[in-house]
Amino acid sequence: MLSSNRENRKFTRYALLKSATFTCESATRPPSVYKLFIHDLSCGGALVSSTTQIPDNTNLRIGIRVQHQQKLFGQDEVEFLFRGKVIRREKSGRVAIVFEKDYRINRSLPL
């Protein structure tokens, strides 16, 4: 789980200024896709911001598309898909998300 104390982190965080998409998963309404901006990323989670208010304990599906000059998994563009949950909101408006352990790599993206 993410901690506000760097010494207690399980994984190294990396600064990453990257846009991504997320889908809120709710039992009471249909899923909607929104944009977010990733400020930093680790194997365990991410710190993000969005113009959409994301409530605490919200379950999310997050897709990060990566383009590479050389082919990655035989493709120019790959999407990494994660499931996660909002665990903390900072005064700055940024939101901490912890990832579930499973993830998916989507190699067949539409052009």
Protein backbone atom coordinates (compact mmCIF):
# COMPACT_ATOMS: atom_id res chain seq x y z
CA MET A 1 0.00 0.00 0.00
CA LEU A 2 1.17 3.54 -0.65
CA SER A 3 2.54 5.57 2.21
CA SER A 4 3.10 9.28 2.56
CA ASN A 5 6.54 8.51 4.03
CA ARG A 6 9.07 7.75 1.30
CA GLU A 7 11.07 5.47 3.59
CA ASN A 8 8.09 3.10 3.89
CA ARG A 9 7.46 2.74 0.14
CA LYS A 10 7.72 -0.75 -1.31
CA PHE A 11 8.49 0.50 -4.82
CA THR A 12 10.52 3.35 -6.29
CA ARG A 13 8.42 6.18 -7.72
CA TYR A 14 9.36 7.79 -11.02
CA ALA A 15 8.34 11.23 -12.23
CA LEU A 16 6.17 10.76 -15.30
CA LEU A 17 4.30 13.61 -16.89
CA LYS A 18 1.89 11.58 -19.01
CA SER A 19 -1.78 11.79 -19.88
CA ALA A 20 -3.91 8.67 -19.56
CA THR A 21 -7.55 7.60 -19.43
CA PHE A 22 -9.51 6.18 -16.55
CA THR A 23 -12.90 4.58 -16.12
CA CYS A 24 -14.78 4.83 -12.82
CA GLU A 25 -16.36 1.52 -11.88
CA SER A 26 -19.64 1.98 -10.04
CA ALA A 27 -22.52 -0.37 -9.31
CA THR A 28 -24.98 2.53 -9.48
CA ARG A 29 -24.11 4.09 -12.85
CA PRO A 30 -22.68 3.06 -16.21
CA PRO A 31 -18.90 3.36 -16.67
CA SER A 32 -17.59 6.65 -18.04
CA VAL A 33 -14.16 7.34 -19.52
CA TYR A 34 -12.26 10.42 -18.32
CA LYS A 35 -8.79 11.90 -18.84
CA LEU A 36 -6.20 12.15 -16.11
CA PHE A 37 -2.61 13.29 -15.83
CA ILE A 38 -0.02 11.07 -14.16
CA HIS A 39 2.55 12.95 -12.08
CA ASP A 40 4.47 9.96 -10.80
CA LEU A 41 4.25 6.21 -11.17
CA SER A 42 5.54 3.09 -9.44
CA CYS A 43 4.79 -0.62 -9.61
CA GLY A 44 2.38 -0.13 -6.70
CA GLY A 45 0.45 2.96 -7.74
CA ALA A 46 0.40 6.47 -9.11
CA LEU A 47 -0.18 10.08 -8.15
CA VAL A 48 -2.60 11.68 -10.61
CA SER A 49 -4.75 14.73 -11.20
CA SER A 50 -7.92 15.16 -13.21
CA THR A 51 -10.50 17.84 -13.93
CA THR A 52 -13.05 15.21 -12.86
CA GLN A 53 -13.56 14.81 -9.11
CA ILE A 54 -12.59 11.25 -8.13
CA PRO A 55 -14.05 10.26 -4.73
CA ASP A 56 -12.02 8.26 -2.17
CA ASN A 57 -12.34 4.45 -2.44
CA THR A 58 -13.42 4.72 -6.10
CA ASN A 59 -12.44 1.64 -8.13
CA LEU A 60 -10.73 2.62 -11.38
CA ARG A 61 -9.51 1.10 -14.62
CA ILE A 62 -6.52 3.05 -15.92
CA GLY A 63 -5.05 2.87 -19.43
CA ILE A 64 -1.63 4.31 -20.21
CA ARG A 65 -0.61 4.42 -23.88
CA VAL A 66 3.10 4.41 -24.62
CA GLN A 67 4.57 5.25 -28.00
CA HIS A 68 8.11 4.17 -28.73
CA GLN A 69 10.45 4.90 -31.63
CA GLN A 70 11.47 1.27 -31.71
CA LYS A 71 8.80 -1.38 -31.65
CA LEU A 72 7.74 -2.51 -28.18
CA PHE A 73 6.14 -5.98 -28.19
CA GLY A 74 6.20 -5.69 -32.00
CA GLN A 75 4.08 -2.50 -31.98
CA ASP A 76 4.75 1.25 -32.20
CA GLU A 77 2.15 1.90 -29.47
CA VAL A 78 1.21 -0.25 -26.48
CA GLU A 79 -1.42 0.30 -23.79
CA PHE A 80 -0.85 -0.80 -20.19
CA LEU A 81 -4.11 -1.45 -18.33
CA PHE A 82 -4.33 -1.36 -14.53
CA ARG A 83 -7.07 -1.64 -11.95
CA GLY A 84 -6.74 0.47 -8.85
CA LYS A 85 -8.45 2.36 -6.06
CA VAL A 86 -8.25 5.94 -4.81
CA ILE A 87 -6.66 5.86 -1.36
CA ARG A 88 -5.77 9.48 -0.66
CA ARG A 89 -6.48 13.01 -1.80
CA GLU A 90 -3.86 15.74 -1.33
CA LYS A 91 -4.49 19.44 -0.65
CA SER A 92 -3.06 20.18 -4.11
CA GLY A 93 -5.95 18.21 -5.65
CA ARG A 94 -3.76 15.31 -6.68
CA VAL A 95 -5.08 11.81 -5.97
CA ALA A 96 -3.09 8.74 -4.87
CA ILE A 97 -4.11 5.46 -6.49
CA VAL A 98 -2.94 2.02 -5.39
CA PHE A 99 -2.84 -0.61 -8.16
CA GLU A 100 -4.13 -4.15 -7.90
CA LYS A 101 -1.49 -6.75 -8.61
CA ASP A 102 -2.81 -7.83 -12.00
CA TYR A 103 -2.37 -5.79 -15.15
CA ARG A 104 -2.78 -6.25 -18.89
CA ILE A 105 -0.77 -5.14 -21.91
CA ASN A 106 -2.92 -4.37 -24.95
CA ARG A 107 -0.79 -4.80 -28.06
CA SER A 108 -3.53 -4.54 -30.70
CA LEU A 109 -4.58 -0.89 -30.61
CA PRO A 110 -6.77 0.68 -33.27
CA LEU A 111 -4.92 3.01 -35.62
